[in-house]
């Protein structure tokens, strides 16, 4: 499958129909292909050219600006983006705040698309300031990125919800290895709003539709960060905001003349689950203390 007709093999990225990504509506191959095909004749691309599909989080650039404010980003800072997807966060941060961003992405398809979009960006700084690394973050050694404690900040937006329960503390400990002492991490994620487990139907929907094997409560989440060496944790419940945004997103997509049934279901399930009150959204800022 050629994403950009007439382009060189190096600039094409194939998303196999049987890829794990194709199981989640947000990663439907046809969605990427159709949009990228319309960009084939443009020599360079703006951030807005790919914004309709490369922001895989809730809230678009507004969410990124809030995270940047919470981290007090300064030009020249080094940022580690854990679960960087298609690289939209890195490109936006580099363009808007002049920071250097290294994204770690497990899925090779996402990584290749991110690198391709970086190479086509109209901002000539992007290739030098933003990069995607295709790796399992849990197995990545700091030496691969220049040594331990090289980053001023870390960020992870709607990625950790895909991590199995027994890998969460190891992931946070791994983040602490890469971030400087007293450096900060900003996380936007899903969490369980009630002490009791999700009911069987909700748990199945989150697992099957969103790829979420486990959702921690606030107490569990904060305890995991503390166990990994992070302190001064600020917990901001953004559930109501996300409930409104995801409902609006789902309704807008449903109104389109051409749409994917899988993506429509994904948007609906996320909106309905948040509205149900058992699942919520959170923004956490924490400091590496040890």
C-alpha atoms as a PDB file:
ATOM      1  CA  UNK A   1       0.000   0.000   0.000  1.00  0.00           C
ATOM      2  CA  UNK A   2       1.575   3.300  -1.100  1.00  0.00           C
ATOM      3  CA  UNK A   3       0.664   6.153   1.203  1.00  0.00           C
ATOM      4  CA  UNK A   4       2.013   8.900  -1.021  1.00  0.00           C
ATOM      5  CA  UNK A   5       1.506   8.037  -4.690  1.00  0.00           C
ATOM      6  CA  UNK A   6       4.551   8.673  -6.852  1.00  0.00           C
ATOM      7  CA  UNK A   7       6.937   9.247  -3.955  1.00  0.00           C
ATOM      8  CA  UNK A   8      10.162   7.417  -3.286  1.00  0.00           C
ATOM      9  CA  UNK A   9      10.108   4.155  -1.310  1.00  0.00           C
ATOM     10  CA  UNK A  10      11.917   5.863   1.562  1.00  0.00           C
ATOM     11  CA  UNK A  11       9.055   8.288   2.056  1.00  0.00           C
ATOM     12  CA  UNK A  12       6.325   5.663   2.025  1.00  0.00           C
ATOM     13  CA  UNK A  13       5.108   3.791   5.070  1.00  0.00           C
ATOM     14  CA  UNK A  14       3.006   0.704   4.790  1.00  0.00           C
ATOM     15  CA  UNK A  15       0.449  -0.150   7.464  1.00  0.00           C
ATOM     16  CA  UNK A  16      -0.453  -3.833   7.081  1.00  0.00           C
ATOM     17  CA  UNK A  17      -4.141  -4.603   7.458  1.00  0.00           C
ATOM     18  CA  UNK A  18      -3.316  -7.207  10.094  1.00  0.00           C
ATOM     19  CA  UNK A  19      -1.096  -4.862  12.138  1.00  0.00           C
ATOM     20  CA  UNK A  20      -1.925  -4.612  15.863  1.00  0.00           C
ATOM     21  CA  UNK A  21      -2.584  -0.946  15.148  1.00  0.00           C
ATOM     22  CA  UNK A  22      -5.509  -1.849  12.913  1.00  0.00           C
ATOM     23  CA  UNK A  23      -7.340  -3.296  15.929  1.00  0.00           C
ATOM     24  CA  UNK A  24      -7.797   0.197  17.378  1.00  0.00           C
ATOM     25  CA  UNK A  25     -10.030   2.569  15.418  1.00  0.00           C
ATOM     26  CA  UNK A  26      -7.659   5.481  15.954  1.00  0.00           C
ATOM     27  CA  UNK A  27      -5.026   3.709  13.836  1.00  0.00           C
ATOM     28  CA  UNK A  28      -7.088   2.755  10.804  1.00  0.00           C
ATOM     29  CA  UNK A  29      -4.722   2.528   7.790  1.00  0.00           C
ATOM     30  CA  UNK A  30      -7.216   4.118   5.400  1.00  0.00           C
ATOM     31  CA  UNK A  31      -7.340   7.217   7.604  1.00  0.00           C
ATOM     32  CA  UNK A  32      -3.618   7.862   7.221  1.00  0.00           C
ATOM     33  CA  UNK A  33      -3.525   6.919   3.562  1.00  0.00           C
ATOM     34  CA  UNK A  34      -6.309   9.218   2.408  1.00  0.00           C
ATOM     35  CA  UNK A  35      -4.948  12.284   4.195  1.00  0.00           C
ATOM     36  CA  UNK A  36      -1.327  11.717   3.207  1.00  0.00           C
ATOM     37  CA  UNK A  37      -2.354  11.149  -0.396  1.00  0.00           C
ATOM     38  CA  UNK A  38      -3.847  14.641  -0.510  1.00  0.00           C
ATOM     39  CA  UNK A  39      -0.477  16.034   0.607  1.00  0.00           C
ATOM     40  CA  UNK A  40       1.531  14.256  -2.104  1.00  0.00           C
ATOM     41  CA  UNK A  41       1.968  17.340  -4.265  1.00  0.00           C
ATOM     42  CA  UNK A  42       3.136  19.608  -1.435  1.00  0.00           C
ATOM     43  CA  UNK A  43       6.937  19.806  -1.084  1.00  0.00           C
ATOM     44  CA  UNK A  44       6.705  20.698   2.622  1.00  0.00           C
ATOM     45  CA  UNK A  45       3.997  20.294   5.214  1.00  0.00           C
ATOM     46  CA  UNK A  46       2.762  22.548   7.997  1.00  0.00           C
ATOM     47  CA  UNK A  47       1.709  21.323  11.427  1.00  0.00           C
ATOM     48  CA  UNK A  48      -1.922  21.892  10.459  1.00  0.00           C
ATOM     49  CA  UNK A  49      -1.596  19.665   7.378  1.00  0.00           C
ATOM     50  CA  UNK A  50      -1.354  16.546   9.530  1.00  0.00           C
ATOM     51  CA  UNK A  51      -3.135  17.735  12.680  1.00  0.00           C
ATOM     52  CA  UNK A  52      -6.346  15.885  11.825  1.00  0.00           C
ATOM     53  CA  UNK A  53      -4.662  12.537  12.413  1.00  0.00           C
ATOM     54  CA  UNK A  54      -1.266  12.906  14.098  1.00  0.00           C
ATOM     55  CA  UNK A  55      -2.575  14.265  17.418  1.00  0.00           C
ATOM     56  CA  UNK A  56      -3.532  10.958  19.019  1.00  0.00           C
ATOM     57  CA  UNK A  57      -4.497  12.561  22.340  1.00  0.00           C
ATOM     58  CA  UNK A  58      -7.482  14.520  23.628  1.00  0.00           C
ATOM     59  CA  UNK A  59      -7.456  18.301  23.394  1.00  0.00           C
ATOM     60  CA  UNK A  60      -5.019  18.899  20.536  1.00  0.00           C
ATOM     61  CA  UNK A  61      -2.515  21.730  20.885  1.00  0.00           C
ATOM     62  CA  UNK A  62      -4.400  23.256  23.826  1.00  0.00           C
ATOM     63  CA  UNK A  63      -3.461  20.203  25.878  1.00  0.00           C
ATOM     64  CA  UNK A  64       0.162  20.545  24.774  1.00  0.00           C
ATOM     65  CA  UNK A  65       0.274  24.224  25.743  1.00  0.00           C
ATOM     66  CA  UNK A  66      -1.017  23.364  29.208  1.00  0.00           C
ATOM     67  CA  UNK A  67       1.637  20.678  29.618  1.00  0.00           C
ATOM     68  CA  UNK A  68       4.309  23.113  28.430  1.00  0.00           C
ATOM     69  CA  UNK A  69       3.133  25.624  31.025  1.00  0.00           C
ATOM     70  CA  UNK A  70       3.136  23.017  33.798  1.00  0.00           C
ATOM     71  CA  UNK A  71       6.709  22.066  32.885  1.00  0.00           C
ATOM     72  CA  UNK A  72       7.729  25.734  32.506  1.00  0.00           C
ATOM     73  CA  UNK A  73       9.422  24.879  29.209  1.00  0.00           C
ATOM     74  CA  UNK A  74      12.413  26.999  28.263  1.00  0.00           C
ATOM     75  CA  UNK A  75      14.052  27.160  24.858  1.00  0.00           C
ATOM     76  CA  UNK A  76      16.842  24.628  24.481  1.00  0.00           C
ATOM     77  CA  UNK A  77      15.436  22.196  27.054  1.00  0.00           C
ATOM     78  CA  UNK A  78      15.623  18.485  26.265  1.00  0.00           C
ATOM     79  CA  UNK A  79      12.318  16.614  26.404  1.00  0.00           C
ATOM     80  CA  UNK A  80      11.705  12.846  26.444  1.00  0.00           C
ATOM     81  CA  UNK A  81       8.321  11.918  24.948  1.00  0.00           C
ATOM     82  CA  UNK A  82       7.316   8.437  26.151  1.00  0.00           C
ATOM     83  CA  UNK A  83       4.924   6.827  23.694  1.00  0.00           C
ATOM     84  CA  UNK A  84       5.371   9.546  21.084  1.00  0.00           C
ATOM     85  CA  UNK A  85       3.041   8.110  18.439  1.00  0.00           C
ATOM     86  CA  UNK A  86       3.277  10.059  15.201  1.00  0.00           C
ATOM     87  CA  UNK A  87       5.476  12.762  16.720  1.00  0.00           C
ATOM     88  CA  UNK A  88       2.946  15.610  16.819  1.00  0.00           C
ATOM     89  CA  UNK A  89       3.881  16.575  20.375  1.00  0.00           C
ATOM     90  CA  UNK A  90       7.559  16.884  19.496  1.00  0.00           C
ATOM     91  CA  UNK A  91       6.951  18.918  16.362  1.00  0.00           C
ATOM     92  CA  UNK A  92       4.607  21.293  18.161  1.00  0.00           C
ATOM     93  CA  UNK A  93       6.923  21.749  21.151  1.00  0.00           C
ATOM     94  CA  UNK A  94       9.950  22.345  18.921  1.00  0.00           C
ATOM     95  CA  UNK A  95       8.157  24.839  16.690  1.00  0.00           C
ATOM     96  CA  UNK A  96       6.382  26.690  19.494  1.00  0.00           C
ATOM     97  CA  UNK A  97       8.884  26.548  22.362  1.00  0.00           C
ATOM     98  CA  UNK A  98      12.256  25.879  20.686  1.00  0.00           C
ATOM     99  CA  UNK A  99      12.939  22.690  22.672  1.00  0.00           C
ATOM    100  CA  UNK A 100      14.678  19.470  21.634  1.00  0.00           C
ATOM    101  CA  UNK A 101      12.403  16.396  21.710  1.00  0.00           C
ATOM    102  CA  UNK A 102      13.255  12.703  21.551  1.00  0.00           C
ATOM    103  CA  UNK A 103      10.212  10.499  21.135  1.00  0.00           C
ATOM    104  CA  UNK A 104      10.205   6.813  22.069  1.00  0.00           C
ATOM    105  CA  UNK A 105       7.684   4.798  20.078  1.00  0.00           C
ATOM    106  CA  UNK A 106       7.133   1.049  20.291  1.00  0.00           C
ATOM    107  CA  UNK A 107       5.080   0.645  17.112  1.00  0.00           C
ATOM    108  CA  UNK A 108       7.315   0.675  14.043  1.00  0.00           C
ATOM    109  CA  UNK A 109       4.549   2.005  11.815  1.00  0.00           C
ATOM    110  CA  UNK A 110       4.028   5.013  14.065  1.00  0.00           C
ATOM    111  CA  UNK A 111       7.792   5.587  14.211  1.00  0.00           C
ATOM    112  CA  UNK A 112       8.206   5.493  10.423  1.00  0.00           C
ATOM    113  CA  UNK A 113       5.284   7.845   9.879  1.00  0.00           C
ATOM    114  CA  UNK A 114       6.675  10.239  12.488  1.00  0.00           C
ATOM    115  CA  UNK A 115      10.068  10.308  10.803  1.00  0.00           C
ATOM    116  CA  UNK A 116       8.496  10.853   7.397  1.00  0.00           C
ATOM    117  CA  UNK A 117       6.344  13.755   8.644  1.00  0.00           C
ATOM    118  CA  UNK A 118       9.379  15.260  10.394  1.00  0.00           C
ATOM    119  CA  UNK A 119      11.336  15.161   7.139  1.00  0.00           C
ATOM    120  CA  UNK A 120       8.549  16.940   5.244  1.00  0.00           C
ATOM    121  CA  UNK A 121       7.907  19.679   7.794  1.00  0.00           C
ATOM    122  CA  UNK A 122       8.178  23.248   6.544  1.00  0.00           C
ATOM    123  CA  UNK A 123      10.085  24.320   9.676  1.00  0.00           C
ATOM    124  CA  UNK A 124      13.728  23.664   8.791  1.00  0.00           C
ATOM    125  CA  UNK A 125      14.576  23.200  12.488  1.00  0.00           C
ATOM    126  CA  UNK A 126      12.438  20.093  12.882  1.00  0.00           C
ATOM    127  CA  UNK A 127      14.932  17.480  11.595  1.00  0.00           C
ATOM    128  CA  UNK A 128      17.521  18.747  14.086  1.00  0.00           C
ATOM    129  CA  UNK A 129      15.195  19.253  17.060  1.00  0.00           C
ATOM    130  CA  UNK A 130      12.796  16.295  16.790  1.00  0.00           C
ATOM    131  CA  UNK A 131      13.508  12.593  16.386  1.00  0.00           C
ATOM    132  CA  UNK A 132      11.646   9.336  16.824  1.00  0.00           C
ATOM    133  CA  UNK A 133      13.322   6.264  18.307  1.00  0.00           C
ATOM    134  CA  UNK A 134      11.677   2.911  17.584  1.00  0.00           C
ATOM    135  CA  UNK A 135      12.186   1.008  20.834  1.00  0.00           C
ATOM    136  CA  UNK A 136      10.546  -0.691  23.790  1.00  0.00           C
ATOM    137  CA  UNK A 137      11.027   1.985  26.451  1.00  0.00           C
ATOM    138  CA  UNK A 138      11.111  -0.623  29.215  1.00  0.00           C
ATOM    139  CA  UNK A 139      14.200  -2.186  27.621  1.00  0.00           C
ATOM    140  CA  UNK A 140      15.930   0.991  26.445  1.00  0.00           C
ATOM    141  CA  UNK A 141      19.305   1.771  27.993  1.00  0.00           C
ATOM    142  CA  UNK A 142      20.161   5.431  28.721  1.00  0.00           C
ATOM    143  CA  UNK A 143      23.439   4.982  26.813  1.00  0.00           C
ATOM    144  CA  UNK A 144      21.385   4.723  23.618  1.00  0.00           C
ATOM    145  CA  UNK A 145      20.318   8.348  24.131  1.00  0.00           C
ATOM    146  CA  UNK A 146      23.603   9.758  25.373  1.00  0.00           C
ATOM    147  CA  UNK A 147      23.715   8.436  28.932  1.00  0.00           C
ATOM    148  CA  UNK A 148      21.630   8.650  32.129  1.00  0.00           C
ATOM    149  CA  UNK A 149      19.806  11.766  33.267  1.00  0.00           C
ATOM    150  CA  UNK A 150      20.128  13.612  29.966  1.00  0.00           C
ATOM    151  CA  UNK A 151      16.614  15.091  29.861  1.00  0.00           C
ATOM    152  CA  UNK A 152      15.214  18.131  31.631  1.00  0.00           C
ATOM    153  CA  UNK A 153      11.644  16.879  31.390  1.00  0.00           C
ATOM    154  CA  UNK A 154       9.588  13.906  30.280  1.00  0.00           C
ATOM    155  CA  UNK A 155       6.080  13.832  28.917  1.00  0.00           C
ATOM    156  CA  UNK A 156       3.632  11.024  28.243  1.00  0.00           C
ATOM    157  CA  UNK A 157       0.177  11.662  26.870  1.00  0.00           C
ATOM    158  CA  UNK A 158      -2.381   8.853  26.770  1.00  0.00           C
ATOM    159  CA  UNK A 159       0.272   6.180  26.509  1.00  0.00           C
ATOM    160  CA  UNK A 160       0.623   4.688  29.978  1.00  0.00           C
ATOM    161  CA  UNK A 161      -2.977   3.460  29.902  1.00  0.00           C
ATOM    162  CA  UNK A 162      -1.757   0.823  27.417  1.00  0.00           C
ATOM    163  CA  UNK A 163       0.817  -0.580  29.858  1.00  0.00           C
ATOM    164  CA  UNK A 164       0.101  -3.826  31.787  1.00  0.00           C
ATOM    165  CA  UNK A 165      -0.282  -3.483  35.548  1.00  0.00           C
ATOM    166  CA  UNK A 166       2.983  -5.222  36.413  1.00  0.00           C
ATOM    167  CA  UNK A 167       4.969  -2.983  34.040  1.00  0.00           C
ATOM    168  CA  UNK A 168       3.803   0.380  35.355  1.00  0.00           C
ATOM    169  CA  UNK A 169       6.280   0.828  38.218  1.00  0.00           C
ATOM    170  CA  UNK A 170       9.169  -0.410  36.023  1.00  0.00           C
ATOM    171  CA  UNK A 171       8.122   2.160  33.398  1.00  0.00           C
ATOM    172  CA  UNK A 172       8.167   5.008  35.927  1.00  0.00           C
ATOM    173  CA  UNK A 173      11.523   3.819  37.283  1.00  0.00           C
ATOM    174  CA  UNK A 174      12.811   3.784  33.726  1.00  0.00           C
ATOM    175  CA  UNK A 175      11.629   7.363  33.218  1.00  0.00           C
ATOM    176  CA  UNK A 176      13.543   8.364  36.345  1.00  0.00           C
ATOM    177  CA  UNK A 177      16.739   6.961  34.816  1.00  0.00           C
ATOM    178  CA  UNK A 178      16.478   9.334  31.862  1.00  0.00           C
ATOM    179  CA  UNK A 179      15.340  12.522  33.616  1.00  0.00           C
ATOM    180  CA  UNK A 180      17.745  14.785  35.521  1.00  0.00           C
ATOM    181  CA  UNK A 181      17.471  15.021  39.309  1.00  0.00           C
ATOM    182  CA  UNK A 182      14.710  17.533  40.098  1.00  0.00           C
ATOM    183  CA  UNK A 183      13.536  17.250  36.507  1.00  0.00           C
ATOM    184  CA  UNK A 184       9.812  16.950  35.947  1.00  0.00           C
ATOM    185  CA  UNK A 185       7.392  14.676  34.155  1.00  0.00           C
ATOM    186  CA  UNK A 186       3.949  15.636  32.854  1.00  0.00           C
ATOM    187  CA  UNK A 187       1.457  12.830  32.254  1.00  0.00           C
ATOM    188  CA  UNK A 188      -2.038  12.915  30.801  1.00  0.00           C
ATOM    189  CA  UNK A 189      -3.794   9.612  31.219  1.00  0.00           C
ATOM    190  CA  UNK A 190      -6.912   7.654  32.049  1.00  0.00           C
ATOM    191  CA  UNK A 191      -7.582   6.408  35.568  1.00  0.00           C
ATOM    192  CA  UNK A 192     -10.249   4.589  37.558  1.00  0.00           C
ATOM    193  CA  UNK A 193     -12.352   7.150  39.409  1.00  0.00           C
ATOM    194  CA  UNK A 194     -13.820   4.701  41.911  1.00  0.00           C
ATOM    195  CA  UNK A 195     -12.148   2.372  44.374  1.00  0.00           C
ATOM    196  CA  UNK A 196     -13.990  -0.676  43.106  1.00  0.00           C
ATOM    197  CA  UNK A 197     -12.859  -2.354  39.849  1.00  0.00           C
ATOM    198  CA  UNK A 198     -14.553  -1.571  36.560  1.00  0.00           C
ATOM    199  CA  UNK A 199     -17.485  -3.824  35.838  1.00  0.00           C
ATOM    200  CA  UNK A 200     -16.858  -6.642  33.367  1.00  0.00           C
ATOM    201  CA  UNK A 201     -18.404  -4.819  30.394  1.00  0.00           C
ATOM    202  CA  UNK A 202     -16.457  -1.601  30.958  1.00  0.00           C
ATOM    203  CA  UNK A 203     -13.207  -3.499  31.466  1.00  0.00           C
ATOM    204  CA  UNK A 204     -13.757  -5.445  28.235  1.00  0.00           C
ATOM    205  CA  UNK A 205     -14.532  -2.284  26.254  1.00  0.00           C
ATOM    206  CA  UNK A 206     -11.430  -0.520  27.545  1.00  0.00           C
ATOM    207  CA  UNK A 207      -9.305  -3.559  26.753  1.00  0.00           C
ATOM    208  CA  UNK A 208     -10.764  -4.330  23.324  1.00  0.00           C
ATOM    209  CA  UNK A 209     -11.433  -0.824  21.997  1.00  0.00           C
ATOM    210  CA  UNK A 210      -8.702   1.254  23.661  1.00  0.00           C
ATOM    211  CA  UNK A 211      -6.028  -1.373  24.326  1.00  0.00           C
ATOM    212  CA  UNK A 212      -6.119  -0.665  28.077  1.00  0.00           C
ATOM    213  CA  UNK A 213      -5.326  -3.762  30.171  1.00  0.00           C
ATOM    214  CA  UNK A 214      -5.505  -2.057  33.580  1.00  0.00           C
ATOM    215  CA  UNK A 215      -6.702   1.240  35.020  1.00  0.00           C
ATOM    216  CA  UNK A 216      -5.361   2.280  38.434  1.00  0.00           C
ATOM    217  CA  UNK A 217      -7.164   4.391  41.001  1.00  0.00           C
ATOM    218  CA  UNK A 218      -5.709   7.743  42.090  1.00  0.00           C
ATOM    219  CA  UNK A 219      -4.189   6.160  45.195  1.00  0.00           C
ATOM    220  CA  UNK A 220      -2.628   3.357  43.168  1.00  0.00           C
ATOM    221  CA  UNK A 221      -1.280   5.730  40.500  1.00  0.00           C
ATOM    222  CA  UNK A 222       0.314   8.122  42.986  1.00  0.00           C
ATOM    223  CA  UNK A 223       1.827   5.211  44.894  1.00  0.00           C
ATOM    224  CA  UNK A 224       3.432   3.848  41.736  1.00  0.00           C
ATOM    225  CA  UNK A 225       5.064   7.201  40.962  1.00  0.00           C
ATOM    226  CA  UNK A 226       6.352   7.523  44.535  1.00  0.00           C
ATOM    227  CA  UNK A 227       7.740   3.980  44.431  1.00  0.00           C
ATOM    228  CA  UNK A 228       9.645   4.905  41.254  1.00  0.00           C
ATOM    229  CA  UNK A 229      11.307   7.930  42.850  1.00  0.00           C
ATOM    230  CA  UNK A 230       8.939  10.759  41.870  1.00  0.00           C
ATOM    231  CA  UNK A 231       7.575  13.193  44.423  1.00  0.00           C
ATOM    232  CA  UNK A 232       5.805  16.555  44.701  1.00  0.00           C
ATOM    233  CA  UNK A 233       3.064  15.007  42.587  1.00  0.00           C
ATOM    234  CA  UNK A 234       0.292  17.366  41.541  1.00  0.00           C
ATOM    235  CA  UNK A 235      -2.891  15.526  40.545  1.00  0.00           C
ATOM    236  CA  UNK A 236      -5.389  17.453  38.400  1.00  0.00           C
ATOM    237  CA  UNK A 237      -8.646  15.666  37.634  1.00  0.00           C
ATOM    238  CA  UNK A 238      -9.682  16.673  34.102  1.00  0.00           C
ATOM    239  CA  UNK A 239     -12.462  14.103  33.739  1.00  0.00           C
ATOM    240  CA  UNK A 240     -15.287  16.578  33.145  1.00  0.00           C
ATOM    241  CA  UNK A 241     -13.259  18.452  30.542  1.00  0.00           C
ATOM    242  CA  UNK A 242     -12.393  15.249  28.690  1.00  0.00           C
ATOM    243  CA  UNK A 243     -16.002  14.051  28.881  1.00  0.00           C
ATOM    244  CA  UNK A 244     -17.152  17.188  27.034  1.00  0.00           C
ATOM    245  CA  UNK A 245     -14.294  17.095  24.509  1.00  0.00           C
ATOM    246  CA  UNK A 246     -14.725  13.416  23.633  1.00  0.00           C
ATOM    247  CA  UNK A 247     -18.488  13.762  23.226  1.00  0.00           C
ATOM    248  CA  UNK A 248     -17.977  16.735  20.908  1.00  0.00           C
ATOM    249  CA  UNK A 249     -15.333  14.805  18.952  1.00  0.00           C
ATOM    250  CA  UNK A 250     -17.598  11.780  18.563  1.00  0.00           C
ATOM    251  CA  UNK A 251     -20.574  13.858  17.433  1.00  0.00           C
ATOM    252  CA  UNK A 252     -18.509  15.796  14.883  1.00  0.00           C
ATOM    253  CA  UNK A 253     -17.102  12.604  13.423  1.00  0.00           C
ATOM    254  CA  UNK A 254     -20.522  10.965  13.298  1.00  0.00           C
ATOM    255  CA  UNK A 255     -21.792  13.905  11.213  1.00  0.00           C
ATOM    256  CA  UNK A 256     -19.177  13.426   8.483  1.00  0.00           C
ATOM    257  CA  UNK A 257     -20.353  12.084   5.141  1.00  0.00           C
ATOM    258  CA  UNK A 258     -17.377   9.732   4.872  1.00  0.00           C
ATOM    259  CA  UNK A 259     -16.207   7.938   7.987  1.00  0.00           C
ATOM    260  CA  UNK A 260     -14.779   4.701   9.303  1.00  0.00           C
ATOM    261  CA  UNK A 261     -17.086   2.467  11.322  1.00  0.00           C
ATOM    262  CA  UNK A 262     -14.164   1.406  13.496  1.00  0.00           C
ATOM    263  CA  UNK A 263     -13.109   4.978  14.294  1.00  0.00           C
ATOM    264  CA  UNK A 264     -16.720   6.013  14.910  1.00  0.00           C
ATOM    265  CA  UNK A 265     -17.066   3.183  17.439  1.00  0.00           C
ATOM    266  CA  UNK A 266     -13.763   4.120  19.087  1.00  0.00           C
ATOM    267  CA  UNK A 267     -14.841   7.741  19.557  1.00  0.00           C
ATOM    268  CA  UNK A 268     -18.263   6.678  20.860  1.00  0.00           C
ATOM    269  CA  UNK A 269     -16.893   4.155  23.343  1.00  0.00           C
ATOM    270  CA  UNK A 270     -14.374   6.619  24.803  1.00  0.00           C
ATOM    271  CA  UNK A 271     -17.024   9.347  25.129  1.00  0.00           C
ATOM    272  CA  UNK A 272     -19.596   7.017  26.681  1.00  0.00           C
ATOM    273  CA  UNK A 273     -17.094   5.454  29.082  1.00  0.00           C
ATOM    274  CA  UNK A 274     -15.960   8.843  30.373  1.00  0.00           C
ATOM    275  CA  UNK A 275     -19.575   9.978  30.698  1.00  0.00           C
ATOM    276  CA  UNK A 276     -20.331   6.855  32.729  1.00  0.00           C
ATOM    277  CA  UNK A 277     -18.217   8.127  35.601  1.00  0.00           C
ATOM    278  CA  UNK A 278     -16.062   5.082  36.299  1.00  0.00           C
ATOM    279  CA  UNK A 279     -13.196   6.185  34.038  1.00  0.00           C
ATOM    280  CA  UNK A 280     -11.683   9.630  34.161  1.00  0.00           C
ATOM    281  CA  UNK A 281      -8.860  11.743  32.864  1.00  0.00           C
ATOM    282  CA  UNK A 282      -5.950  13.138  34.840  1.00  0.00           C
ATOM    283  CA  UNK A 283      -2.987  15.451  34.373  1.00  0.00           C
ATOM    284  CA  UNK A 284      -0.073  14.720  36.699  1.00  0.00           C
ATOM    285  CA  UNK A 285       3.107  16.728  37.180  1.00  0.00           C
ATOM    286  CA  UNK A 286       5.785  15.076  39.311  1.00  0.00           C
ATOM    287  CA  UNK A 287       9.427  15.737  40.153  1.00  0.00           C
ATOM    288  CA  UNK A 288      12.266  13.229  40.154  1.00  0.00           C
ATOM    289  CA  UNK A 289      13.403  13.101  43.773  1.00  0.00           C
ATOM    290  CA  UNK A 290      15.742  10.106  43.798  1.00  0.00           C
END
